[in-house]
Amino acid sequence: MTQLTVMTRLLYAEPSEPLTGAERALAWELCAVLDERRTGADEPDDAVWVTVEAARLRGPAGRDDNQHLTRCLAKLARVQFRGEDPDGTRWLAQLIAQADVSWDTVRLLIPPRAVAFLRSPGTFAKIDAEAAHRLPPNARTLYALLADRFRQKHREWTVDLDTLKSALGLAGRYDRFVDLRKRVLDPSVAAINDFGVARVTWEPVKLGRAVQSIRFAWTLKAPAEAEDTAKQNDRHSKARRKKQDAADAPPLIEQQREWWYALDGNQRAELELEARKELGPQPPLRQVIEWAHQHKDGEG
C-alpha cells in the first residue's frame, strides 16, 4: 500500500481560496515528493525544482490526460497559504512558482517559503495514496485527518466543529448542522467505511442544544470484511462493488494502461506521434493508449 507523508499542518491550513478534493490531493503529493527527496526545511535558500511523473499527480483514479492536472496546478500556483514564524514574522506562500507539463512528467518550481511550510519540523500524517485520490473530496480530507490519529494509535478524536469545517474547506458554509450532516458527514463516513480497513462512527457533542464538536471513533474491521475491502479497492472505480465475469480481472483500459507504462519513454513517444496522425494533434491520453494497444504488434 503506497502512502504519502504529509505535514499535519497542511491538512488544517486554510488557503486563500477553497480547494477542490483533487487540488488538495495534489498538494499532499507535493509534500510527499519533498519528503521522499529528504528536502529539509532549513536547507534551501533558493527555490527547489522537482520532477514528478504526471500519472502520479493525476492519481490512481485520475483522468487520462493532463488538462485537468494543468488546471489544478494553475490553482495551486495562485492560492496562498499563510503562516507566522516564531519571531512573529508573518508570511504568505504559494506552493508552486512554475510548472512545466509534458506528456509523462511535470517539472515544478517550489518557492523557498513553500518548502519551509511543507517540510518544517512538526508532525507528519501517513495517508494512503489510493484514498487521497479516489475518495470523494470531503471524505478524502476527513480520512487523512482520521488516519493520522489512527497511526498514533488513538481510537477516538473529538474536534471543534469550526476547526473541522475549516480543515474540510467548508468555513462559512453549512450553518445548519442538519445540512452538514446530510451533505458532508454521513456520506464521507460511509465512503471511508467502504474504502478503509477501519470502521468509523461519529456523534455530535452538544453544549445545550447547539452542536459544539464532533466525536469520531473507529475500530479495525474483521479480517473477512477487511479482505473484501482490499479486493474492492484493487478494482476500477466503475467496477467497484459490481459483479463481473472474472472477479479479479481489471477492465480492459486498466490492462492497457499497465501495458503502456511498462514501455520505455522512447516507445511511448513513437506511439504517441503515430496516434496523433490518426486521432488529431492533442488526443486524450486514454484514446492514445487504446489506439496504441490496438496497433502494438511490432512495437515492443
Protein backbone atom coordinates (compact mmCIF):
# COMPACT_ATOMS: atom_id res chain seq x y z
CA MET A 1 0.00 0.00 0.00
CA THR A 2 1.58 3.29 -1.11
CA GLN A 3 1.48 6.03 1.50
CA LEU A 4 2.01 9.77 1.34
CA THR A 5 3.93 11.52 4.12
CA VAL A 6 2.20 14.87 4.62
CA MET A 7 2.77 17.66 7.12
CA THR A 8 -0.16 17.65 9.54
CA ARG A 9 -0.39 21.45 9.37
CA LEU A 10 -1.13 21.17 5.65
CA LEU A 11 -4.29 19.21 6.48
CA TYR A 12 -5.56 22.09 8.62
CA ALA A 13 -4.21 25.01 6.59
CA GLU A 14 -6.87 27.32 5.25
CA PRO A 15 -5.85 28.60 1.79
CA SER A 16 -6.82 31.97 0.41
CA GLU A 17 -9.31 30.21 -1.91
CA PRO A 18 -11.23 26.96 -1.36
CA LEU A 19 -9.53 23.92 -2.88
CA THR A 20 -11.27 21.02 -4.56
CA GLY A 21 -10.55 17.47 -3.50
CA ALA A 22 -8.24 16.94 -6.47
CA GLU A 23 -6.33 20.14 -5.68
CA ARG A 24 -5.91 19.11 -2.04
CA ALA A 25 -4.66 15.67 -3.08
CA LEU A 26 -2.16 17.34 -5.43
CA ALA A 27 -0.85 19.49 -2.57
CA TRP A 28 -0.41 16.34 -0.46
CA GLU A 29 1.52 14.71 -3.30
CA LEU A 30 3.89 17.71 -3.46
CA CYS A 31 4.51 17.42 0.27
CA ALA A 32 5.20 13.70 -0.10
CA VAL A 33 7.60 14.29 -3.00
CA LEU A 34 9.65 16.73 -0.91
CA ASP A 35 9.70 14.19 1.91
CA GLU A 36 10.96 11.46 -0.43
CA ARG A 37 13.71 13.81 -1.64
CA ARG A 38 14.61 14.50 2.02
CA THR A 39 14.43 18.21 1.27
CA GLY A 40 14.95 19.93 4.63
CA ALA A 41 13.05 22.99 5.83
CA ASP A 42 16.19 24.93 6.74
CA GLU A 43 18.22 23.69 3.77
CA PRO A 44 17.14 25.74 0.73
CA ASP A 45 17.51 29.50 0.47
CA ASP A 46 16.51 29.22 -3.17
CA ALA A 47 13.55 27.62 -4.88
CA VAL A 48 13.64 23.85 -5.45
CA TRP A 49 12.98 22.12 -8.77
CA VAL A 50 11.27 18.73 -8.60
CA THR A 51 10.29 16.40 -11.46
CA VAL A 52 7.32 14.07 -10.93
CA GLU A 53 5.52 11.57 -13.14
CA ALA A 54 2.30 13.13 -14.41
CA ALA A 55 0.45 9.88 -13.72
CA ARG A 56 1.34 10.14 -10.02
CA LEU A 57 -0.07 13.65 -9.74
CA ARG A 58 -3.25 12.61 -11.56
CA GLY A 59 -3.65 9.78 -9.06
CA PRO A 60 -4.92 6.20 -9.44
CA ALA A 61 -8.40 7.39 -10.37
CA GLY A 62 -7.26 10.48 -12.27
CA ARG A 63 -8.25 11.44 -15.77
CA ASP A 64 -6.33 10.06 -18.72
CA ASP A 65 -4.99 13.40 -19.93
CA ASN A 66 -3.16 16.34 -18.38
CA GLN A 67 -5.80 19.01 -18.97
CA HIS A 68 -7.41 18.64 -15.55
CA LEU A 69 -3.99 18.30 -13.91
CA THR A 70 -2.87 21.56 -15.53
CA ARG A 71 -5.96 23.33 -14.16
CA CYS A 72 -5.20 22.02 -10.67
CA LEU A 73 -1.58 23.17 -10.92
CA ALA A 74 -2.74 26.62 -12.03
CA LYS A 75 -4.94 26.84 -8.94
CA LEU A 76 -2.09 25.89 -6.60
CA ALA A 77 0.12 28.46 -8.32
CA ARG A 78 -2.45 31.13 -7.45
CA VAL A 79 -3.64 30.15 -3.97
CA GLN A 80 -1.72 31.44 -0.95
CA PHE A 81 -1.14 29.79 2.41
CA ARG A 82 -0.47 31.96 5.46
CA GLY A 83 1.79 31.41 8.45
CA GLU A 84 3.83 33.05 11.18
CA ASP A 85 7.43 32.40 12.24
CA PRO A 86 8.46 32.10 15.92
CA ASP A 87 9.89 35.64 15.75
CA GLY A 88 6.47 36.99 14.75
CA THR A 89 7.20 37.38 11.04
CA ARG A 90 4.06 36.75 9.06
CA TRP A 91 4.36 35.25 5.61
CA LEU A 92 2.38 34.22 2.55
CA ALA A 93 3.42 31.35 0.29
CA GLN A 94 2.26 29.82 -2.97
CA LEU A 95 3.03 26.13 -3.30
CA ILE A 96 4.08 26.38 -6.96
CA ALA A 97 6.00 29.17 -8.71
CA GLN A 98 6.23 27.47 -12.12
CA ALA A 99 5.06 24.23 -13.72
CA ASP A 100 6.25 22.66 -16.99
CA VAL A 101 3.81 19.91 -18.01
CA SER A 102 4.94 17.42 -20.65
CA TRP A 103 3.33 14.18 -21.74
CA ASP A 104 4.73 11.93 -18.99
CA THR A 105 6.31 14.27 -16.45
CA VAL A 106 5.72 17.54 -14.62
CA ARG A 107 8.61 19.79 -13.61
CA LEU A 108 7.73 22.06 -10.69
CA LEU A 109 9.46 25.04 -9.11
CA ILE A 110 8.69 25.16 -5.37
CA PRO A 111 9.41 28.56 -3.71
CA PRO A 112 11.55 28.63 -0.53
CA ARG A 113 8.65 29.59 1.75
CA ALA A 114 6.55 26.74 0.36
CA VAL A 115 9.40 24.28 1.02
CA ALA A 116 9.64 25.52 4.61
CA PHE A 117 5.86 25.26 5.02
CA LEU A 118 5.73 21.72 3.65
CA ARG A 119 8.88 20.43 5.37
CA SER A 120 9.42 22.41 8.58
CA PRO A 121 9.78 20.37 11.80
CA GLY A 122 6.48 19.10 13.11
CA THR A 123 4.19 16.11 12.95
CA PHE A 124 3.52 14.16 9.79
CA ALA A 125 0.45 12.22 8.69
CA LYS A 126 0.63 8.97 6.74
CA ILE A 127 -2.09 8.90 4.08
CA ASP A 128 -2.97 6.00 1.82
CA ALA A 129 -2.28 7.32 -1.70
CA GLU A 130 -5.27 5.46 -3.15
CA ALA A 131 -7.61 7.11 -0.66
CA ALA A 132 -6.02 10.52 -1.27
CA HIS A 133 -7.13 10.39 -4.89
CA ARG A 134 -10.10 8.04 -5.05
CA LEU A 135 -12.34 9.07 -2.16
CA PRO A 136 -14.84 11.94 -2.67
CA PRO A 137 -13.40 15.39 -1.83
CA ASN A 138 -14.70 15.85 1.73
CA ALA A 139 -14.18 12.17 2.54
CA ARG A 140 -10.53 12.19 1.48
CA THR A 141 -9.68 15.12 3.76
CA LEU A 142 -11.57 13.62 6.68
CA TYR A 143 -9.87 10.29 6.00
CA ALA A 144 -6.45 12.00 6.17
CA LEU A 145 -7.29 13.64 9.50
CA LEU A 146 -8.54 10.36 10.98
CA ALA A 147 -5.68 8.31 9.51
CA ASP A 148 -3.14 10.48 11.31
CA ARG A 149 -4.75 9.74 14.67
CA PHE A 150 -5.22 6.08 13.83
CA ARG A 151 -1.49 5.87 13.07
CA GLN A 152 -0.81 7.34 16.53
CA LYS A 153 -2.94 4.50 17.97
CA HIS A 154 -5.71 6.79 19.13
CA ARG A 155 -9.19 5.31 18.90
CA GLU A 156 -11.20 8.48 19.41
CA TRP A 157 -10.95 12.07 18.28
CA THR A 158 -13.09 15.00 19.37
CA VAL A 159 -12.70 18.07 17.20
CA ASP A 160 -14.28 21.51 17.43
CA LEU A 161 -16.94 21.93 14.75
CA ASP A 162 -15.45 25.15 13.33
CA THR A 163 -11.96 23.58 13.23
CA LEU A 164 -13.31 20.57 11.35
CA LYS A 165 -15.22 22.71 8.84
CA SER A 166 -12.10 24.82 8.24
CA ALA A 167 -9.96 21.71 7.64
CA LEU A 168 -12.54 20.42 5.17
CA GLY A 169 -12.54 23.76 3.32
CA LEU A 170 -16.11 24.49 4.45
CA ALA A 171 -15.58 27.58 6.63
CA GLY A 172 -18.65 29.83 6.43
CA ARG A 173 -20.81 27.08 4.92
CA TYR A 174 -23.45 24.74 6.32
CA ASP A 175 -24.58 26.96 9.18
CA ARG A 176 -27.34 24.44 9.85
CA PHE A 177 -25.87 21.28 11.34
CA VAL A 178 -28.55 19.14 9.69
CA ASP A 179 -27.19 20.21 6.28
CA LEU A 180 -23.59 19.47 7.29
CA ARG A 181 -24.66 16.05 8.50
CA LYS A 182 -26.65 15.20 5.39
CA ARG A 183 -24.25 16.55 2.75
CA VAL A 184 -20.83 16.04 4.36
CA LEU A 185 -20.53 13.90 7.48
CA ASP A 186 -22.83 10.97 6.69
CA PRO A 187 -21.66 10.46 3.07
CA SER A 188 -17.99 10.99 3.97
CA VAL A 189 -18.01 8.44 6.79
CA ALA A 190 -19.93 5.99 4.58
CA ALA A 191 -17.26 6.33 1.87
CA ILE A 192 -14.43 5.89 4.37
CA ASN A 193 -16.06 2.77 5.79
CA ASP A 194 -16.48 1.36 2.30
CA PHE A 195 -12.85 2.06 1.37
CA GLY A 196 -10.74 1.73 4.52
CA VAL A 197 -9.67 -1.05 6.87
CA ALA A 198 -11.34 0.63 9.87
CA ARG A 199 -14.98 1.09 10.77
CA VAL A 200 -15.65 4.75 11.67
CA THR A 201 -18.55 6.07 13.73
CA TRP A 202 -19.30 9.61 14.83
CA GLU A 203 -21.63 11.57 17.09
CA PRO A 204 -22.27 15.26 17.77
CA VAL A 205 -21.18 16.77 21.08
CA LYS A 206 -23.62 19.46 22.23
CA LEU A 207 -23.47 22.39 24.58
CA GLY A 208 -27.09 22.91 25.41
CA ARG A 209 -28.94 22.47 22.11
CA ALA A 210 -26.08 23.62 19.86
CA VAL A 211 -23.51 21.22 18.39
CA GLN A 212 -20.05 22.34 19.51
CA SER A 213 -17.84 19.48 18.33
CA ILE A 214 -17.78 16.05 16.70
CA ARG A 215 -16.51 12.87 18.32
CA PHE A 216 -15.14 10.22 15.92
CA ALA A 217 -14.31 6.66 16.94
CA TRP A 218 -13.05 3.70 14.94
CA THR A 219 -12.24 0.02 15.22
CA LEU A 220 -10.49 -2.35 12.84
CA LYS A 221 -12.74 -4.35 10.55
CA ALA A 222 -13.00 -8.10 10.97
CA PRO A 223 -10.44 -9.98 8.81
CA ALA A 224 -13.03 -11.22 6.28
CA GLU A 225 -14.52 -7.75 5.84
CA ALA A 226 -11.07 -6.16 5.56
CA GLU A 227 -10.09 -8.71 2.90
CA ASP A 228 -13.22 -7.93 0.87
CA THR A 229 -12.48 -4.19 1.16
CA ALA A 230 -8.94 -4.74 -0.14
CA LYS A 231 -10.25 -6.68 -3.13
CA GLN A 232 -12.74 -3.94 -3.96
CA ASN A 233 -10.03 -1.29 -3.67
CA ASP A 234 -7.99 -3.11 -6.32
CA ARG A 235 -10.84 -2.88 -8.81
CA HIS A 236 -11.55 0.03 -11.13
CA SER A 237 -13.88 2.62 -9.59
CA LYS A 238 -16.62 1.83 -12.12
CA ALA A 239 -16.44 -1.88 -11.30
CA ARG A 240 -16.33 -1.41 -7.53
CA ARG A 241 -19.00 -3.42 -5.68
CA LYS A 242 -20.29 -4.75 -9.00
CA LYS A 243 -20.24 -8.31 -10.29
CA GLN A 244 -18.13 -9.20 -13.30
CA ASP A 245 -17.39 -12.44 -15.12
CA ALA A 246 -13.86 -12.74 -13.72
CA ALA A 247 -13.93 -11.34 -10.22
CA ASP A 248 -10.32 -10.19 -10.15
CA ALA A 249 -9.93 -9.18 -13.81
CA PRO A 250 -9.46 -5.39 -14.24
CA PRO A 251 -11.34 -3.56 -17.02
CA LEU A 252 -9.61 -3.51 -20.38
CA ILE A 253 -8.41 0.10 -20.02
CA GLU A 254 -6.55 -0.89 -16.84
CA GLN A 255 -4.76 -3.68 -18.71
CA GLN A 256 -3.94 -1.23 -21.49
CA ARG A 257 -2.57 1.35 -19.02
CA GLU A 258 -0.35 -1.27 -17.37
CA TRP A 259 1.00 -2.23 -20.80
CA TRP A 260 1.52 1.46 -21.73
CA TYR A 261 3.54 2.35 -18.64
CA ALA A 262 5.63 -0.81 -18.98
CA LEU A 263 7.03 0.68 -22.23
CA ASP A 264 10.06 2.93 -22.09
CA GLY A 265 9.82 6.64 -22.86
CA ASN A 266 11.03 6.33 -26.46
CA GLN A 267 8.45 3.66 -27.28
CA ARG A 268 5.65 5.76 -25.82
CA ALA A 269 6.83 8.84 -27.70
CA GLU A 270 6.87 6.97 -31.02
CA LEU A 271 3.41 5.55 -30.45
CA GLU A 272 2.13 8.96 -29.41
CA LEU A 273 3.35 10.51 -32.68
CA GLU A 274 1.66 7.76 -34.68
CA ALA A 275 -1.54 8.16 -32.69
CA ARG A 276 -1.63 11.91 -33.37
CA LYS A 277 -1.57 11.23 -37.10
CA GLU A 278 -4.77 9.21 -36.72
CA LEU A 279 -6.53 10.93 -33.80
CA GLY A 280 -5.56 14.57 -34.17
CA PRO A 281 -2.90 16.85 -32.66
CA GLN A 282 -4.00 16.66 -28.98
CA PRO A 283 -5.94 13.46 -28.30
CA PRO A 284 -6.70 12.48 -24.68
CA LEU A 285 -4.21 10.01 -23.22
CA ARG A 286 -6.93 7.36 -22.87
CA GLN A 287 -7.54 7.43 -26.64
CA VAL A 288 -3.80 7.29 -27.34
CA ILE A 289 -3.38 4.24 -25.10
CA GLU A 290 -6.37 2.45 -26.65
CA TRP A 291 -5.13 3.22 -30.19
CA ALA A 292 -1.55 2.20 -29.36
CA HIS A 293 -2.66 -1.04 -27.71
CA GLN A 294 -4.64 -1.99 -30.81
CA HIS A 295 -1.57 -1.31 -33.01
CA LYS A 296 1.06 -2.71 -30.63
CA ASP A 297 2.28 -5.58 -32.87
CA GLY A 298 5.91 -4.95 -33.69
CA GLU A 299 6.18 -2.04 -31.28
CA GLY A 300 7.90 -3.95 -28.44
